[in-house]
N, C-alpha and C. Protein backbone atom coordinates (compact mmCIF):
# COMPACT_ATOMS: atom_id res chain seq x y z
N MET A 1 100.98 85.50 124.07
CA MET A 1 100.49 86.76 123.60
C MET A 1 99.78 86.68 122.26
N PRO A 2 99.31 85.51 121.81
CA PRO A 2 98.62 85.47 120.53
C PRO A 2 97.37 86.34 120.51
N GLN A 3 96.70 86.46 121.64
CA GLN A 3 95.48 87.27 121.68
C GLN A 3 95.81 88.73 121.37
N GLN A 4 97.00 89.21 121.74
CA GLN A 4 97.38 90.58 121.42
C GLN A 4 97.58 90.75 119.92
N ASP A 5 98.14 89.73 119.27
CA ASP A 5 98.31 89.81 117.82
C ASP A 5 96.97 89.90 117.13
N ILE A 6 96.02 89.05 117.53
CA ILE A 6 94.70 89.05 116.91
C ILE A 6 93.96 90.34 117.22
N THR A 7 94.04 90.78 118.47
CA THR A 7 93.38 92.03 118.85
C THR A 7 93.96 93.19 118.06
N GLY A 8 95.27 93.23 117.94
CA GLY A 8 95.91 94.29 117.17
C GLY A 8 95.54 94.24 115.71
N LEU A 9 95.45 93.02 115.17
CA LEU A 9 95.06 92.87 113.77
C LEU A 9 93.65 93.40 113.56
N LEU A 10 92.72 93.01 114.42
CA LEU A 10 91.34 93.47 114.28
C LEU A 10 91.24 94.98 114.44
N MET A 11 91.98 95.52 115.41
CA MET A 11 91.96 96.97 115.60
C MET A 11 92.51 97.69 114.38
N SER A 12 93.57 97.12 113.76
CA SER A 12 94.14 97.78 112.59
C SER A 12 93.19 97.73 111.41
N ILE A 13 92.44 96.65 111.28
CA ILE A 13 91.47 96.55 110.19
C ILE A 13 90.33 97.53 110.40
N LEU A 14 89.82 97.57 111.62
CA LEU A 14 88.66 98.41 111.90
C LEU A 14 89.00 99.89 111.97
N SER A 15 90.22 100.22 112.39
CA SER A 15 90.56 101.62 112.55
C SER A 15 91.43 102.15 111.42
N ARG A 16 91.79 101.30 110.47
CA ARG A 16 92.65 101.66 109.33
C ARG A 16 94.05 102.08 109.76
N GLN A 17 94.47 101.65 110.96
CA GLN A 17 95.83 101.91 111.40
C GLN A 17 96.73 100.79 110.91
N LYS A 18 97.99 101.09 110.73
CA LYS A 18 98.93 100.10 110.25
C LYS A 18 99.24 99.09 111.36
N TRP A 19 99.57 97.86 110.96
CA TRP A 19 99.90 96.83 111.93
C TRP A 19 101.40 96.58 111.95
N GLY A 20 102.18 97.60 111.64
CA GLY A 20 103.62 97.47 111.59
C GLY A 20 104.26 97.07 112.90
N TYR A 21 103.55 97.25 113.99
CA TYR A 21 104.12 96.88 115.28
C TYR A 21 104.40 95.38 115.36
N LEU A 22 103.78 94.59 114.50
CA LEU A 22 104.07 93.15 114.49
C LEU A 22 105.51 92.88 114.04
N MET A 23 106.13 93.84 113.39
CA MET A 23 107.47 93.67 112.86
C MET A 23 108.52 94.42 113.69
N GLU A 24 108.26 94.59 114.96
CA GLU A 24 109.21 95.29 115.81
C GLU A 24 110.56 94.58 115.81
N TYR A 25 111.61 95.32 116.04
CA TYR A 25 112.94 94.72 116.06
C TYR A 25 113.10 93.74 117.22
N THR A 26 112.24 93.84 118.23
CA THR A 26 112.32 92.92 119.36
C THR A 26 111.44 91.68 119.16
N THR A 27 110.86 91.52 117.98
CA THR A 27 109.98 90.39 117.71
C THR A 27 110.75 89.09 117.85
N ASP A 28 110.16 88.18 118.59
CA ASP A 28 110.82 86.89 118.80
C ASP A 28 110.47 85.91 117.67
N ALA A 29 111.18 84.79 117.65
CA ALA A 29 111.00 83.80 116.58
C ALA A 29 109.59 83.22 116.59
N GLN A 30 109.02 83.03 117.76
CA GLN A 30 107.68 82.46 117.85
C GLN A 30 106.65 83.39 117.21
N ARG A 31 106.74 84.66 117.47
CA ARG A 31 105.81 85.62 116.89
C ARG A 31 106.00 85.70 115.37
N MET A 32 107.24 85.67 114.91
CA MET A 32 107.50 85.70 113.48
C MET A 32 106.94 84.45 112.80
N GLU A 33 107.02 83.32 113.47
CA GLU A 33 106.47 82.09 112.91
C GLU A 33 104.94 82.19 112.79
N ARG A 34 104.28 82.74 113.79
CA ARG A 34 102.82 82.94 113.71
C ARG A 34 102.47 83.86 112.56
N LEU A 35 103.26 84.91 112.38
CA LEU A 35 103.02 85.85 111.29
C LEU A 35 103.22 85.16 109.94
N ARG A 36 104.26 84.34 109.82
CA ARG A 36 104.52 83.62 108.58
C ARG A 36 103.35 82.70 108.23
N VAL A 37 102.82 81.98 109.24
CA VAL A 37 101.69 81.08 109.02
C VAL A 37 100.46 81.87 108.57
N LEU A 38 100.20 83.00 109.21
CA LEU A 38 99.05 83.83 108.82
C LEU A 38 99.19 84.32 107.38
N MET A 39 100.40 84.68 106.99
CA MET A 39 100.62 85.16 105.63
C MET A 39 100.44 84.02 104.62
N GLU A 40 100.92 82.82 104.96
CA GLU A 40 100.75 81.67 104.07
C GLU A 40 99.28 81.30 103.92
N GLN A 41 98.50 81.51 104.96
CA GLN A 41 97.07 81.20 104.92
C GLN A 41 96.27 82.32 104.25
N ALA A 42 96.95 83.32 103.77
CA ALA A 42 96.33 84.46 103.09
C ALA A 42 95.37 85.22 103.99
N VAL A 43 95.69 85.28 105.29
CA VAL A 43 94.89 86.08 106.21
C VAL A 43 95.09 87.56 105.90
N PHE A 44 96.31 87.92 105.50
CA PHE A 44 96.61 89.29 105.13
C PHE A 44 96.52 89.39 103.61
N GLN A 45 95.62 90.18 103.12
CA GLN A 45 95.45 90.38 101.69
C GLN A 45 95.73 91.84 101.37
N PRO A 46 96.65 92.09 100.44
CA PRO A 46 96.91 93.48 100.08
C PRO A 46 95.71 94.07 99.35
N VAL A 47 95.44 95.33 99.61
CA VAL A 47 94.38 96.03 98.91
C VAL A 47 95.05 96.89 97.85
N ILE A 48 94.73 96.62 96.59
CA ILE A 48 95.36 97.31 95.48
C ILE A 48 94.36 98.26 94.84
N ASP A 49 94.71 99.53 94.84
CA ASP A 49 93.86 100.55 94.22
C ASP A 49 93.99 100.52 92.71
N SER A 50 95.24 100.52 92.23
CA SER A 50 95.46 100.58 90.79
C SER A 50 96.87 100.12 90.47
N GLU A 51 97.07 99.73 89.19
CA GLU A 51 98.38 99.32 88.69
C GLU A 51 98.70 100.15 87.45
N TYR A 52 99.97 100.55 87.35
CA TYR A 52 100.42 101.35 86.22
C TYR A 52 101.68 100.72 85.63
N PRO A 53 101.82 100.74 84.31
CA PRO A 53 103.08 100.29 83.72
C PRO A 53 104.19 101.30 84.03
N LEU A 54 105.42 100.86 83.92
CA LEU A 54 106.56 101.72 84.27
C LEU A 54 106.55 103.03 83.49
N ASP A 55 106.16 102.99 82.22
CA ASP A 55 106.18 104.24 81.43
C ASP A 55 105.08 105.22 81.85
N SER A 56 104.16 104.79 82.73
CA SER A 56 103.12 105.69 83.27
C SER A 56 103.37 106.01 84.74
N ALA A 57 104.61 105.89 85.17
CA ALA A 57 104.95 106.16 86.57
C ALA A 57 104.50 107.54 87.05
N PRO A 58 104.64 108.61 86.24
CA PRO A 58 104.16 109.91 86.72
C PRO A 58 102.66 109.89 87.06
N ALA A 59 101.87 109.18 86.26
CA ALA A 59 100.43 109.08 86.54
C ALA A 59 100.20 108.30 87.84
N ALA A 60 101.02 107.30 88.09
CA ALA A 60 100.90 106.53 89.33
C ALA A 60 101.19 107.42 90.54
N PHE A 61 102.20 108.26 90.44
CA PHE A 61 102.51 109.16 91.55
C PHE A 61 101.40 110.18 91.75
N GLN A 62 100.80 110.64 90.67
CA GLN A 62 99.66 111.56 90.80
C GLN A 62 98.49 110.87 91.50
N ARG A 63 98.24 109.61 91.13
CA ARG A 63 97.15 108.86 91.77
C ARG A 63 97.45 108.70 93.26
N GLN A 64 98.69 108.47 93.61
CA GLN A 64 99.07 108.31 95.01
C GLN A 64 98.72 109.54 95.83
N LEU A 65 98.81 110.71 95.21
CA LEU A 65 98.55 111.96 95.91
C LEU A 65 97.07 112.32 95.97
N GLN A 66 96.24 111.65 95.17
CA GLN A 66 94.82 111.98 95.11
C GLN A 66 94.06 111.45 96.32
N ARG A 67 92.95 112.10 96.61
CA ARG A 67 92.04 111.62 97.66
C ARG A 67 91.19 110.48 97.12
N GLY A 68 90.65 109.69 98.04
CA GLY A 68 89.74 108.63 97.66
C GLY A 68 90.41 107.33 97.25
N LYS A 69 91.71 107.28 97.39
CA LYS A 69 92.45 106.07 97.04
C LYS A 69 92.11 104.97 98.04
N GLN A 70 91.85 103.78 97.54
CA GLN A 70 91.53 102.64 98.40
C GLN A 70 92.57 101.55 98.18
N GLY A 71 93.67 101.62 98.85
CA GLY A 71 94.71 100.60 98.71
C GLY A 71 95.99 101.17 98.13
N LYS A 72 96.84 100.26 97.72
CA LYS A 72 98.16 100.62 97.21
C LYS A 72 98.11 100.90 95.72
N VAL A 73 98.97 101.81 95.30
CA VAL A 73 99.16 102.11 93.89
C VAL A 73 100.45 101.41 93.48
N LEU A 74 100.36 100.54 92.48
CA LEU A 74 101.51 99.74 92.06
C LEU A 74 102.06 100.20 90.73
N ILE A 75 103.38 100.13 90.60
CA ILE A 75 104.04 100.36 89.33
C ILE A 75 104.63 99.03 88.90
N LYS A 76 104.19 98.54 87.74
CA LYS A 76 104.66 97.26 87.21
C LYS A 76 105.93 97.48 86.41
N PHE A 77 107.00 96.79 86.79
CA PHE A 77 108.26 96.89 86.09
C PHE A 77 108.37 95.86 84.97
N SER A 78 107.51 94.84 85.04
CA SER A 78 107.56 93.77 84.06
C SER A 78 106.19 93.13 83.96
N ASP A 79 105.89 92.55 82.80
CA ASP A 79 104.64 91.82 82.64
C ASP A 79 104.77 90.38 83.11
N ASN A 80 105.99 89.95 83.40
CA ASN A 80 106.22 88.58 83.86
C ASN A 80 105.90 88.44 85.34
N PRO A 81 105.04 87.46 85.72
CA PRO A 81 104.78 87.25 87.14
C PRO A 81 106.02 86.69 87.83
N LEU A 82 106.10 86.91 89.11
CA LEU A 82 107.27 86.41 89.86
C LEU A 82 107.30 84.93 89.94
């Protein structure tokens, strides 16, 4: 069923629908391994709209509610990278 994963991925990119179905509770080990490899290869790239420090969390929530947002709104809890 790899073609279904790729087809679903392309459909989610083109239609802006979420691809959460890849994480179904019935997902088998083989499918999870394919997903892990794709993530390691950076096939999935998060789209980040904006980042806010923790003390600006209210502004981050306001941005989340605004129209025209392109990606995720992040709240940084620390300046240290993981």
